[in-house]
């Protein structure tokens, strides 16, 4: 599912209206109707609720007028507040404002009051009336933000947020800075960490997800995201020019996972060699091995320092082990490089728990330079490459995946973690293109970026997965899918989606705050089965990402 910037969305609107011939007022009608459908789906019967609809002067306000009308027609008590004067509303929004007025719906203009008793009222005069309602619909700005909010709008946002009332935002919560498809914030609209924005419980975004809703810090303001079909053809959305960004959907994952023929055998699904572990960190090797096993790899071998073999072998009887020469401190010796290169496998996963000793550094450098099979590099493999990641570009003819968390990404790029987090999509995309690798940048809404500049966001996963070892599991999961599918970008999309979904299933169990990496391993099979077999998930994700 394609994600659009505000600028790309405006172009999609233009093409739908001018090139396809869909009247803009039809799109607005559809938008308001879809918002009401989402409200009912979330909050159920509204018969006992009062709904305040806060409308701006532009198209977002027009969507709000339509939503107010549909709610009113369904018998819901609706109060509509226009932030400005009615004469300032134009175009399709003005048409829908007049309909609201002619139907006699309660409508209050919120502006600087004048001497006319029927004229505008100040926000201070109507605030208690708004905040006495049970639900607020935010139709003030949408993607119309061109600078940080201030003045009356800033006060409205603060008061609504302080009320703790549930808010349904139309398209985007008012106040969110605009973010381009490349991940960069619009400098004119981004006032930094201190900007003011509506805190929505649900955001009903129109036609396609918007970048600002899926990246920090906006994702925390958006709440549950519902993507509403307002009638813009998919072909129009797909054809909009500019940088490409997509959300990984369950249907897309399902389409690339092949059925297993009845005469399959273990040799058909790849042999993963996991190079991991050191004294005190054998768990990382075990978790990576288990992640590969639970993700369908035909064979898994864990290569680890000689003195760690017994501990690692005890982790699971299903994988094999390969002892490697070690140093006195229990880390790998550089002498183990040839043993790894000579081992017959289809994918190499390297890094979890290895340490950053000179011996490890020599092994990682040797594998990057000489390994003929695809590589998945994580954790300490990335840490020892931090000073010279350019060597990754030498593997242009062989698939290479790197799976950094923000701190590891920062070291690879010579940035701070904060700089990485402020531009996750852009940082991942640039590193992937510059170094000819596929990047999994872990974190909230994990980013997958390919060497051709393509980029995806994964929306499965949750904060309970911020626990030691969960990333090691992902290393094994990624390697297993690379061995089965052969294409790095596709393998990464499947891996992060299923890994995140397994975490979501685990988090639904009691005590999720204490979620452990082994809980994710435990639910990988269930997550895969749900993705492949549960057709009902399509119906959910067409409307909610």
Protein backbone atom coordinates (compact mmCIF):
# COMPACT_ATOMS: atom_id res chain seq x y z
CA UNK A 1 0.00 0.00 0.00
CA UNK A 2 1.54 3.26 -1.13
CA UNK A 3 2.19 6.07 1.35
CA UNK A 4 1.97 9.66 0.10
CA UNK A 5 3.29 13.00 1.22
CA UNK A 6 0.85 15.90 1.43
CA UNK A 7 2.21 17.23 -1.87
CA UNK A 8 1.76 13.85 -3.57
CA UNK A 9 -1.76 13.59 -2.17
CA UNK A 10 -2.65 16.97 -3.66
CA UNK A 11 -1.39 15.72 -7.03
CA UNK A 12 -3.49 12.55 -6.68
CA UNK A 13 -6.54 14.73 -5.96
CA UNK A 14 -5.81 16.87 -9.00
CA UNK A 15 -5.45 13.88 -11.31
CA UNK A 16 -8.62 12.25 -10.02
CA UNK A 17 -10.58 15.47 -10.54
CA UNK A 18 -9.05 16.85 -13.74
CA UNK A 19 -7.80 13.78 -15.59
CA UNK A 20 -10.34 11.15 -14.50
CA UNK A 21 -13.28 13.53 -14.13
CA UNK A 22 -14.41 12.69 -10.60
CA UNK A 23 -16.06 15.84 -9.20
CA UNK A 24 -14.19 17.15 -6.17
CA UNK A 25 -17.43 17.48 -4.23
CA UNK A 26 -18.00 13.74 -4.69
CA UNK A 27 -14.62 13.05 -3.09
CA UNK A 28 -15.56 15.33 -0.19
CA UNK A 29 -18.91 13.57 0.25
CA UNK A 30 -17.19 10.19 0.26
CA UNK A 31 -14.64 11.42 2.79
CA UNK A 32 -17.27 12.60 5.27
CA UNK A 33 -19.27 9.41 4.88
CA UNK A 34 -16.17 7.24 5.50
CA UNK A 35 -15.30 9.23 8.61
CA UNK A 36 -18.75 8.52 10.05
CA UNK A 37 -18.41 4.83 9.22
CA UNK A 38 -15.09 4.72 11.07
CA UNK A 39 -16.61 6.49 14.06
CA UNK A 40 -19.43 3.96 14.29
CA UNK A 41 -17.01 1.04 13.83
CA UNK A 42 -14.93 2.27 16.75
CA UNK A 43 -17.42 3.77 19.18
CA UNK A 44 -20.56 1.80 18.36
CA UNK A 45 -23.95 3.31 19.10
CA UNK A 46 -23.73 7.10 19.37
CA UNK A 47 -27.32 7.61 20.49
CA UNK A 48 -26.26 8.70 23.97
CA UNK A 49 -23.27 10.78 22.86
CA UNK A 50 -22.85 14.41 21.89
CA UNK A 51 -20.33 15.00 19.12
CA UNK A 52 -18.47 18.26 18.53
CA UNK A 53 -17.15 18.76 14.99
CA UNK A 54 -14.40 21.40 14.80
CA UNK A 55 -14.12 22.67 11.23
CA UNK A 56 -11.53 24.85 9.54
CA UNK A 57 -12.06 27.10 6.53
CA UNK A 58 -10.63 24.75 3.90
CA UNK A 59 -11.34 21.34 2.40
CA UNK A 60 -10.73 19.55 5.69
CA UNK A 61 -13.51 21.66 7.18
CA UNK A 62 -15.71 20.67 4.24
CA UNK A 63 -15.11 17.00 5.10
CA UNK A 64 -16.18 17.90 8.64
CA UNK A 65 -19.43 19.50 7.45
CA UNK A 66 -20.29 16.33 5.53
CA UNK A 67 -19.48 14.16 8.56
CA UNK A 68 -21.63 16.38 10.80
CA UNK A 69 -24.55 16.08 8.37
CA UNK A 70 -24.33 12.28 8.20
CA UNK A 71 -24.14 11.99 11.98
CA UNK A 72 -27.13 14.31 12.35
CA UNK A 73 -29.13 12.33 9.78
CA UNK A 74 -28.48 9.22 11.88
CA UNK A 75 -29.97 10.86 14.94
CA UNK A 76 -26.72 11.78 16.69
CA UNK A 77 -26.62 15.05 18.62
CA UNK A 78 -24.02 17.10 16.73
CA UNK A 79 -22.60 20.54 17.42
CA UNK A 80 -20.55 22.04 14.60
CA UNK A 81 -18.00 24.77 15.30
CA UNK A 82 -16.42 26.75 12.44
CA UNK A 83 -13.06 28.27 13.35
CA UNK A 84 -13.56 31.46 11.40
CA UNK A 85 -16.34 33.29 9.61
CA UNK A 86 -18.71 31.58 7.23
CA UNK A 87 -18.06 34.09 4.46
CA UNK A 88 -14.40 33.01 4.41
CA UNK A 89 -15.29 29.44 3.40
CA UNK A 90 -15.20 28.79 -0.34
CA UNK A 91 -15.48 26.09 -2.98
CA UNK A 92 -16.87 22.66 -2.12
CA UNK A 93 -16.51 23.36 1.59
CA UNK A 94 -18.86 26.36 1.21
CA UNK A 95 -21.41 24.17 -0.59
CA UNK A 96 -21.45 21.73 2.31
CA UNK A 97 -21.51 24.56 4.85
CA UNK A 98 -24.67 25.94 3.20
CA UNK A 99 -26.27 22.49 3.32
CA UNK A 100 -25.57 22.30 7.05
CA UNK A 101 -27.06 25.77 7.52
CA UNK A 102 -30.18 25.04 5.45
CA UNK A 103 -30.81 21.82 7.35
CA UNK A 104 -30.69 23.78 10.57
CA UNK A 105 -27.84 21.91 12.21
CA UNK A 106 -26.38 23.74 15.22
CA UNK A 107 -23.45 25.77 13.87
CA UNK A 108 -21.27 28.26 15.77
CA UNK A 109 -18.72 30.58 14.20
CA UNK A 110 -15.63 30.85 16.40
CA UNK A 111 -13.82 34.08 15.67
CA UNK A 112 -13.30 37.53 17.12
CA UNK A 113 -16.78 38.50 18.28
CA UNK A 114 -18.54 41.60 16.95
CA UNK A 115 -21.56 43.59 18.12
CA UNK A 116 -24.01 41.33 16.32
CA UNK A 117 -25.68 38.99 18.80
CA UNK A 118 -25.86 36.31 16.10
CA UNK A 119 -22.25 36.86 15.03
CA UNK A 120 -19.08 34.95 15.89
CA UNK A 121 -18.20 33.96 19.44
CA UNK A 122 -14.75 33.68 20.94
CA UNK A 123 -13.18 30.30 21.66
CA UNK A 124 -13.28 31.13 25.36
CA UNK A 125 -17.05 31.61 25.08
CA UNK A 126 -17.66 28.23 23.43
CA UNK A 127 -14.90 26.16 25.02
CA UNK A 128 -17.06 24.68 27.79
CA UNK A 129 -19.74 23.78 25.27
CA UNK A 130 -17.22 21.92 23.13
CA UNK A 131 -15.57 20.19 26.05
CA UNK A 132 -18.91 19.05 27.46
CA UNK A 133 -19.34 16.77 24.45
CA UNK A 134 -18.38 13.08 24.45
CA UNK A 135 -16.43 12.99 21.20
CA UNK A 136 -14.56 15.52 19.06
CA UNK A 137 -14.07 15.34 15.30
CA UNK A 138 -10.96 17.28 14.23
CA UNK A 139 -11.60 18.77 10.77
CA UNK A 140 -9.57 21.93 11.30
CA UNK A 141 -6.54 21.58 9.02
CA UNK A 142 -5.75 18.07 7.76
CA UNK A 143 -2.76 18.32 5.42
CA UNK A 144 -3.25 22.06 5.07
CA UNK A 145 -0.52 23.00 7.56
CA UNK A 146 2.10 25.38 6.14
CA UNK A 147 3.64 26.65 9.39
CA UNK A 148 3.52 25.88 13.13
CA UNK A 149 0.16 26.63 14.69
CA UNK A 150 -0.18 29.66 16.92
CA UNK A 151 -2.80 31.98 18.38
CA UNK A 152 -6.36 30.73 18.71
CA UNK A 153 -5.67 27.39 17.02
CA UNK A 154 -2.84 26.70 19.45
CA UNK A 155 -5.23 27.34 22.34
CA UNK A 156 -7.90 25.09 20.82
CA UNK A 157 -5.40 22.23 20.45
CA UNK A 158 -4.18 22.63 24.04
CA UNK A 159 -7.70 22.70 25.47
CA UNK A 160 -8.91 19.67 23.49
CA UNK A 161 -5.83 17.66 24.43
CA UNK A 162 -6.20 18.58 28.11
CA UNK A 163 -9.83 17.41 28.12
CA UNK A 164 -8.92 13.75 27.51
CA UNK A 165 -11.94 13.42 25.23
CA UNK A 166 -11.56 10.91 22.40
CA UNK A 167 -10.72 12.68 19.13
CA UNK A 168 -11.26 11.45 15.59
CA UNK A 169 -8.98 13.35 13.20
CA UNK A 170 -9.84 13.67 9.52
CA UNK A 171 -6.83 12.96 7.27
CA UNK A 172 -4.23 14.21 9.79
CA UNK A 173 -4.39 15.54 13.35
CA UNK A 174 -4.28 19.31 13.24
CA UNK A 175 -0.80 20.63 13.90
CA UNK A 176 1.28 17.70 12.66
CA UNK A 177 4.29 18.81 10.60
CA UNK A 178 4.30 17.68 6.99
CA UNK A 179 6.84 15.02 6.03
CA UNK A 180 7.99 14.26 2.50
CA UNK A 181 8.00 10.76 1.02
CA UNK A 182 11.74 10.71 1.58
CA UNK A 183 11.14 11.12 5.30
CA UNK A 184 12.25 14.74 5.65
CA UNK A 185 10.05 17.17 7.55
CA UNK A 186 8.83 20.33 5.84
CA UNK A 187 11.02 22.98 7.40
CA UNK A 188 8.24 25.57 7.25
CA UNK A 189 5.76 23.41 9.12
CA UNK A 190 8.10 21.62 11.52
CA UNK A 191 8.65 23.59 14.67
CA UNK A 192 10.64 20.80 16.28
CA UNK A 193 9.89 18.71 19.33
CA UNK A 194 7.81 21.45 20.93
CA UNK A 195 5.15 21.79 18.22
CA UNK A 196 1.47 21.61 19.10
CA UNK A 197 -0.78 18.95 17.58
CA UNK A 198 -4.08 17.24 18.31
CA UNK A 199 -3.71 13.92 20.09
CA UNK A 200 -6.13 11.70 18.19
CA UNK A 201 -7.51 8.36 19.23
CA UNK A 202 -8.27 7.59 15.58
CA UNK A 203 -7.09 9.24 12.40
CA UNK A 204 -9.19 8.56 9.31
CA UNK A 205 -6.72 9.34 6.56
CA UNK A 206 -8.15 9.77 3.09
CA UNK A 207 -7.25 7.67 0.02
CA UNK A 208 -3.74 6.72 1.20
CA UNK A 209 -1.66 6.83 4.38
CA UNK A 210 0.36 10.02 4.82
CA UNK A 211 4.06 9.90 5.70
CA UNK A 212 3.60 12.21 8.69
CA UNK A 213 1.28 9.67 10.33
CA UNK A 214 3.79 6.83 10.20
CA UNK A 215 7.07 8.33 11.39
CA UNK A 216 8.15 9.90 14.69
CA UNK A 217 6.92 12.03 16.22
CA UNK A 218 3.61 12.16 14.32
CA UNK A 219 2.76 8.48 14.74
CA UNK A 220 2.25 9.00 18.45
CA UNK A 221 -0.35 11.73 17.77
CA UNK A 222 -2.27 9.81 15.12
CA UNK A 223 -3.61 6.97 17.27
CA UNK A 224 -5.22 4.12 15.37
CA UNK A 225 -4.89 4.70 11.64
CA UNK A 226 -7.83 4.00 9.31
CA UNK A 227 -7.31 4.39 5.56
CA UNK A 228 -10.58 5.45 3.92
CA UNK A 229 -11.37 4.80 0.27
CA UNK A 230 -12.91 8.02 -1.04
CA UNK A 231 -13.07 6.98 -4.69
CA UNK A 232 -9.64 7.95 -6.02
CA UNK A 233 -8.60 5.03 -8.27
CA UNK A 234 -5.61 2.99 -7.14
CA UNK A 235 -4.02 3.60 -10.53
CA UNK A 236 -3.98 7.33 -9.82
CA UNK A 237 -2.33 6.89 -6.43
CA UNK A 238 0.23 4.49 -7.90
CA UNK A 239 1.11 6.84 -10.75
CA UNK A 240 1.83 9.96 -8.68
CA UNK A 241 5.47 10.92 -9.26
CA UNK A 242 8.06 11.31 -6.53
CA UNK A 243 9.90 9.08 -4.09
CA UNK A 244 8.20 5.78 -3.41
CA UNK A 245 7.21 4.65 0.07
CA UNK A 246 4.91 1.71 0.88
CA UNK A 247 3.36 0.05 3.90
CA UNK A 248 3.86 -3.72 4.15
CA UNK A 249 0.41 -5.32 4.11
CA UNK A 250 -0.59 -8.90 5.00
CA UNK A 251 -1.93 -9.53 1.52
CA UNK A 252 1.41 -8.55 -0.05
CA UNK A 253 3.24 -10.85 2.36
CA UNK A 254 0.81 -13.67 1.62
CA UNK A 255 1.35 -13.33 -2.11
CA UNK A 256 5.11 -13.92 -1.93
CA UNK A 257 5.08 -16.91 0.43
CA UNK A 258 4.90 -20.02 -1.78
CA UNK A 259 2.94 -23.13 -0.94
CA UNK A 260 5.10 -26.12 -0.04
CA UNK A 261 4.67 -29.00 -2.50
CA UNK A 262 3.75 -32.37 -1.01
CA UNK A 263 7.11 -33.84 -2.07
CA UNK A 264 9.18 -31.09 -0.38
CA UNK A 265 12.25 -31.95 1.65
CA UNK A 266 14.51 -29.95 3.94
CA UNK A 267 16.98 -29.22 1.19
CA UNK A 268 14.36 -27.13 -0.62
CA UNK A 269 14.16 -24.43 2.02
CA UNK A 270 17.70 -23.33 2.56
CA UNK A 271 20.52 -24.07 4.98
CA UNK A 272 21.22 -21.12 7.29
CA UNK A 273 24.57 -20.82 9.03
CA UNK A 274 24.35 -18.51 12.05
CA UNK A 275 27.71 -17.17 13.23
CA UNK A 276 27.03 -15.86 16.71
CA UNK A 277 27.77 -15.97 20.41
CA UNK A 278 30.66 -15.69 22.83
CA UNK A 279 31.16 -16.49 26.49
CA UNK A 280 28.35 -14.76 28.38
CA UNK A 281 26.37 -14.15 25.19
CA UNK A 282 25.44 -17.62 24.06
CA UNK A 283 21.76 -16.72 24.32
CA UNK A 284 22.09 -14.47 21.28
CA UNK A 285 23.27 -17.42 19.21
CA UNK A 286 20.45 -19.61 20.48
CA UNK A 287 17.79 -17.00 19.75
CA UNK A 288 19.03 -16.39 16.22
CA UNK A 289 19.07 -20.13 15.59
CA UNK A 290 15.56 -20.53 16.96
CA UNK A 291 14.34 -17.61 14.86
CA UNK A 292 15.62 -19.34 11.73
CA UNK A 293 14.12 -22.69 12.71
CA UNK A 294 10.71 -21.22 13.48
CA UNK A 295 10.69 -19.37 10.16
CA UNK A 296 10.88 -22.43 7.96
CA UNK A 297 14.58 -22.82 7.20
CA UNK A 298 15.22 -26.39 6.04
CA UNK A 299 18.46 -26.67 7.99
CA UNK A 300 20.09 -24.44 10.58
CA UNK A 301 23.63 -24.64 11.92
CA UNK A 302 24.94 -22.34 14.63
CA UNK A 303 28.67 -21.64 14.46
CA UNK A 304 30.06 -20.41 17.77
CA UNK A 305 33.33 -20.39 19.76
CA UNK A 306 34.48 -23.85 20.82
CA UNK A 307 33.96 -23.23 24.52
CA UNK A 308 30.36 -22.09 23.88
CA UNK A 309 29.28 -25.20 21.98
CA UNK A 310 27.72 -27.06 24.88
CA UNK A 311 25.63 -24.08 25.98
CA UNK A 312 24.48 -23.31 22.45
CA UNK A 313 23.74 -26.95 21.60
CA UNK A 314 21.54 -27.17 24.70
CA UNK A 315 19.36 -24.38 23.33
CA UNK A 316 17.57 -26.57 20.79
CA UNK A 317 18.02 -30.11 19.48
CA UNK A 318 16.78 -29.12 16.02
CA UNK A 319 19.77 -27.08 14.89
CA UNK A 320 23.31 -28.32 14.35
CA UNK A 321 26.44 -26.66 15.69
CA UNK A 322 29.84 -25.84 14.28
CA UNK A 323 32.65 -25.22 16.78
CA UNK A 324 35.08 -22.46 15.81
CA UNK A 325 38.53 -21.58 17.16
CA UNK A 326 38.31 -19.15 20.05
CA UNK A 327 40.43 -16.80 22.08
CA UNK A 328 41.11 -16.92 25.82
CA UNK A 329 38.27 -14.44 26.43
CA UNK A 330 35.73 -16.76 24.78
CA UNK A 331 35.34 -14.80 21.55
CA UNK A 332 36.06 -15.97 18.02
CA UNK A 333 39.59 -16.25 16.73
CA UNK A 334 40.32 -14.97 13.24
CA UNK A 335 41.48 -18.52 12.47
CA UNK A 336 37.84 -19.53 12.16
CA UNK A 337 37.30 -17.58 8.94
CA UNK A 338 38.19 -20.41 6.58
CA UNK A 339 35.95 -22.87 8.41
CA UNK A 340 33.02 -20.52 7.91
CA UNK A 341 33.81 -19.91 4.24
CA UNK A 342 34.19 -23.64 3.58
CA UNK A 343 30.89 -24.56 5.24
CA UNK A 344 28.18 -25.56 2.73
CA UNK A 345 25.24 -23.24 3.39
CA UNK A 346 22.82 -21.03 1.47
CA UNK A 347 22.74 -17.99 3.77
CA UNK A 348 25.10 -16.60 6.39
CA UNK A 349 23.72 -14.69 9.40
CA UNK A 350 26.51 -13.00 11.33
CA UNK A 351 26.75 -10.86 14.43
CA UNK A 352 24.56 -11.57 17.47
CA UNK A 353 26.63 -11.78 20.64
CA UNK A 354 30.02 -12.02 18.88
CA UNK A 355 31.72 -9.10 20.64
CA UNK A 356 33.89 -6.53 18.90
CA UNK A 357 37.37 -7.98 19.31
CA UNK A 358 40.03 -7.82 16.56
CA UNK A 359 39.39 -11.48 15.76
CA UNK A 360 35.70 -10.82 15.20
CA UNK A 361 36.53 -7.77 13.09
CA UNK A 362 38.79 -9.85 10.82
CA UNK A 363 36.16 -12.55 10.39
CA UNK A 364 33.42 -10.06 9.52
CA UNK A 365 35.66 -8.22 7.05
CA UNK A 366 36.66 -11.52 5.48
CA UNK A 367 33.07 -12.66 5.10
CA UNK A 368 31.98 -9.36 3.57
CA UNK A 369 34.82 -9.59 1.08
CA UNK A 370 34.84 -13.30 0.26
CA UNK A 371 31.53 -15.01 1.13
CA UNK A 372 29.76 -16.20 -2.00
CA UNK A 373 26.39 -16.69 -0.33
CA UNK A 374 23.96 -13.98 0.81
CA UNK A 375 24.81 -12.26 4.10
CA UNK A 376 22.66 -10.99 6.96
CA UNK A 377 24.72 -8.71 9.20
CA UNK A 378 23.49 -7.66 12.63
CA UNK A 379 24.64 -6.44 16.02
CA UNK A 380 28.41 -6.82 16.54
CA UNK A 381 29.01 -7.50 12.86
CA UNK A 382 27.72 -3.97 12.23
CA UNK A 383 29.60 -2.54 15.19
CA UNK A 384 32.97 -3.74 13.87
CA UNK A 385 32.07 -2.36 10.42
CA UNK A 386 31.13 1.01 11.88
CA UNK A 387 34.38 2.73 10.96
CA UNK A 388 34.43 1.50 7.35
CA UNK A 389 30.96 0.53 6.07
CA UNK A 390 32.07 1.35 2.52
CA UNK A 391 33.36 -2.24 2.21
CA UNK A 392 29.74 -3.36 1.97
CA UNK A 393 29.52 -1.84 -1.49
CA UNK A 394 32.04 -4.43 -2.71
CA UNK A 395 29.28 -7.05 -2.59
CA UNK A 396 27.22 -5.57 -5.42
CA UNK A 397 26.67 -8.97 -7.07
CA UNK A 398 25.62 -10.74 -3.84
CA UNK A 399 22.64 -10.12 -1.58
CA UNK A 400 23.53 -8.35 1.66
CA UNK A 401 21.14 -7.35 4.42
CA UNK A 402 22.02 -5.18 7.40
CA UNK A 403 19.66 -5.03 10.40
CA UNK A 404 20.75 -2.13 12.64
CA UNK A 405 18.89 -0.54 15.52
CA UNK A 406 19.13 3.29 15.58
CA UNK A 407 22.36 3.31 17.59
CA UNK A 408 24.08 0.92 15.19
CA UNK A 409 22.74 2.88 12.22
CA UNK A 410 24.16 6.05 13.76
CA UNK A 411 27.63 4.51 14.02
CA UNK A 412 27.49 3.26 10.44
CA UNK A 413 26.49 6.71 9.16
CA UNK A 414 28.53 8.92 11.45
CA UNK A 415 25.37 10.44 12.92
CA UNK A 416 23.77 10.61 16.33
CA UNK A 417 20.88 8.36 17.26
CA UNK A 418 18.66 11.43 17.45
CA UNK A 419 19.58 12.37 13.88
CA UNK A 420 18.75 8.86 12.70
CA UNK A 421 15.41 8.88 14.49
CA UNK A 422 14.48 12.28 13.07
CA UNK A 423 14.89 11.01 9.49
CA UNK A 424 14.53 7.22 9.65
CA UNK A 425 13.27 6.78 6.11
CA UNK A 426 15.84 9.09 4.56
CA UNK A 427 18.79 7.65 6.50
CA UNK A 428 17.85 4.05 5.68
CA UNK A 429 17.22 4.86 2.01
CA UNK A 430 20.50 6.71 1.53
CA UNK A 431 22.57 4.01 3.24
CA UNK A 432 20.93 1.26 1.19
CA UNK A 433 21.53 3.07 -2.10
CA UNK A 434 25.08 4.20 -1.29
CA UNK A 435 26.25 0.79 -0.05
CA UNK A 436 24.22 -1.49 -2.36
CA UNK A 437 22.58 -3.32 0.55
CA UNK A 438 19.08 -3.90 1.89
CA UNK A 439 18.52 -2.18 5.23
CA UNK A 440 16.20 -3.18 8.06
CA UNK A 441 16.24 -0.15 10.37
CA UNK A 442 14.63 -1.54 13.51
CA UNK A 443 12.36 0.41 15.83
CA UNK A 444 8.78 1.64 15.87
CA UNK A 445 7.48 1.15 12.32
CA UNK A 446 10.61 -0.63 11.13
CA UNK A 447 11.96 0.66 7.82
CA UNK A 448 13.04 -1.64 4.98
CA UNK A 449 15.09 0.10 2.29
CA UNK A 450 16.46 -1.46 -0.89
CA UNK A 451 19.54 -0.61 -2.95
CA UNK A 452 17.30 0.75 -5.72
CA UNK A 453 15.78 3.36 -3.38
CA UNK A 454 12.51 1.52 -2.75
CA UNK A 455 11.33 1.80 0.84
CA UNK A 456 8.70 0.14 3.04
CA UNK A 457 7.32 0.67 6.53
CA UNK A 458 6.22 -2.19 8.76
CA UNK A 459 3.32 -1.51 11.12
CA UNK A 460 3.32 -4.75 13.10
CA UNK A 461 5.14 -4.89 16.43
CA UNK A 462 4.75 -3.05 19.71
CA UNK A 463 6.72 -1.42 22.57
CA UNK A 464 6.74 -4.64 24.59
CA UNK A 465 9.22 -5.97 22.02
CA UNK A 466 11.84 -3.50 23.25
CA UNK A 467 13.60 -6.29 25.09
CA UNK A 468 16.98 -7.99 24.86
CA UNK A 469 17.22 -10.74 22.27
CA UNK A 470 14.22 -9.76 20.15
CA UNK A 471 16.56 -8.37 17.49
CA UNK A 472 18.60 -11.59 17.54
CA UNK A 473 15.42 -13.50 16.73
CA UNK A 474 14.82 -11.17 13.77
CA UNK A 475 18.32 -11.95 12.47
CA UNK A 476 17.43 -15.64 12.25
CA UNK A 477 13.98 -14.94 10.84
CA UNK A 478 15.45 -12.73 8.11
CA UNK A 479 18.10 -15.29 7.18
CA UNK A 480 15.51 -18.06 6.96
CA UNK A 481 13.28 -16.10 4.60
CA UNK A 482 16.26 -15.04 2.50
CA UNK A 483 17.13 -18.71 2.12
CA UNK A 484 13.59 -19.56 1.04
CA UNK A 485 12.73 -16.56 -1.16
CA UNK A 486 16.14 -15.58 -2.52
CA UNK A 487 15.31 -11.88 -2.91
CA UNK A 488 16.57 -9.68 -0.12
CA UNK A 489 13.91 -6.95 -0.25
CA UNK A 490 11.06 -9.47 -0.30
CA UNK A 491 12.63 -11.58 2.45
CA UNK A 492 13.02 -8.52 4.65
CA UNK A 493 9.40 -7.49 4.20
CA UNK A 494 8.15 -10.95 5.15
CA UNK A 495 10.57 -11.19 8.06
CA UNK A 496 9.74 -7.89 9.74
CA UNK A 497 5.99 -8.33 9.22
CA UNK A 498 5.80 -11.85 10.66
CA UNK A 499 8.30 -11.08 13.45
CA UNK A 500 6.27 -8.02 14.46
CA UNK A 501 2.99 -9.91 14.28
CA UNK A 502 4.43 -12.64 16.51
CA UNK A 503 5.27 -9.90 19.01
CA UNK A 504 1.73 -8.54 18.77
CA UNK A 505 0.25 -11.97 19.44
CA UNK A 506 2.59 -12.42 22.40
CA UNK A 507 1.70 -8.97 23.72
CA UNK A 508 -2.00 -9.91 23.78
CA UNK A 509 -1.27 -12.50 26.44
CA UNK A 510 -1.38 -11.60 30.15
CA UNK A 511 1.83 -10.07 31.43
CA UNK A 512 2.85 -8.61 28.08
CA UNK A 513 4.96 -5.97 29.83
CA UNK A 514 7.29 -8.86 30.67
CA UNK A 515 7.48 -10.09 27.07
CA UNK A 516 10.70 -11.99 26.32
CA UNK A 517 12.43 -12.83 23.06
CA UNK A 518 11.46 -16.48 23.47
CA UNK A 519 7.81 -15.38 23.53
CA UNK A 520 8.29 -13.97 20.04
CA UNK A 521 9.92 -17.23 18.92
CA UNK A 522 7.02 -19.17 20.42
CA UNK A 523 4.46 -17.28 18.31
CA UNK A 524 6.31 -17.11 14.96
CA UNK A 525 4.48 -20.16 13.61
CA UNK A 526 1.10 -18.76 14.67
CA UNK A 527 1.92 -15.40 13.09
CA UNK A 528 2.87 -17.04 9.81
CA UNK A 529 -0.26 -19.19 9.82
CA UNK A 530 -2.44 -16.15 10.50
CA UNK A 531 -0.79 -14.23 7.67
CA UNK A 532 -1.03 -17.03 5.14
CA UNK A 533 -4.38 -18.57 6.02
CA UNK A 534 -6.62 -15.90 7.57
CA UNK A 535 -8.34 -14.21 4.64
CA UNK A 536 -10.28 -12.04 7.08
CA UNK A 537 -7.17 -10.00 7.71
CA UNK A 538 -7.51 -8.58 4.20
CA UNK A 539 -10.83 -7.02 5.13
CA UNK A 540 -9.34 -5.39 8.21
CA UNK A 541 -6.22 -4.08 6.58
CA UNK A 542 -7.94 -2.58 3.55
CA UNK A 543 -9.45 -0.13 6.01
CA UNK A 544 -6.93 -0.06 8.82
CA UNK A 545 -3.17 -0.15 8.53
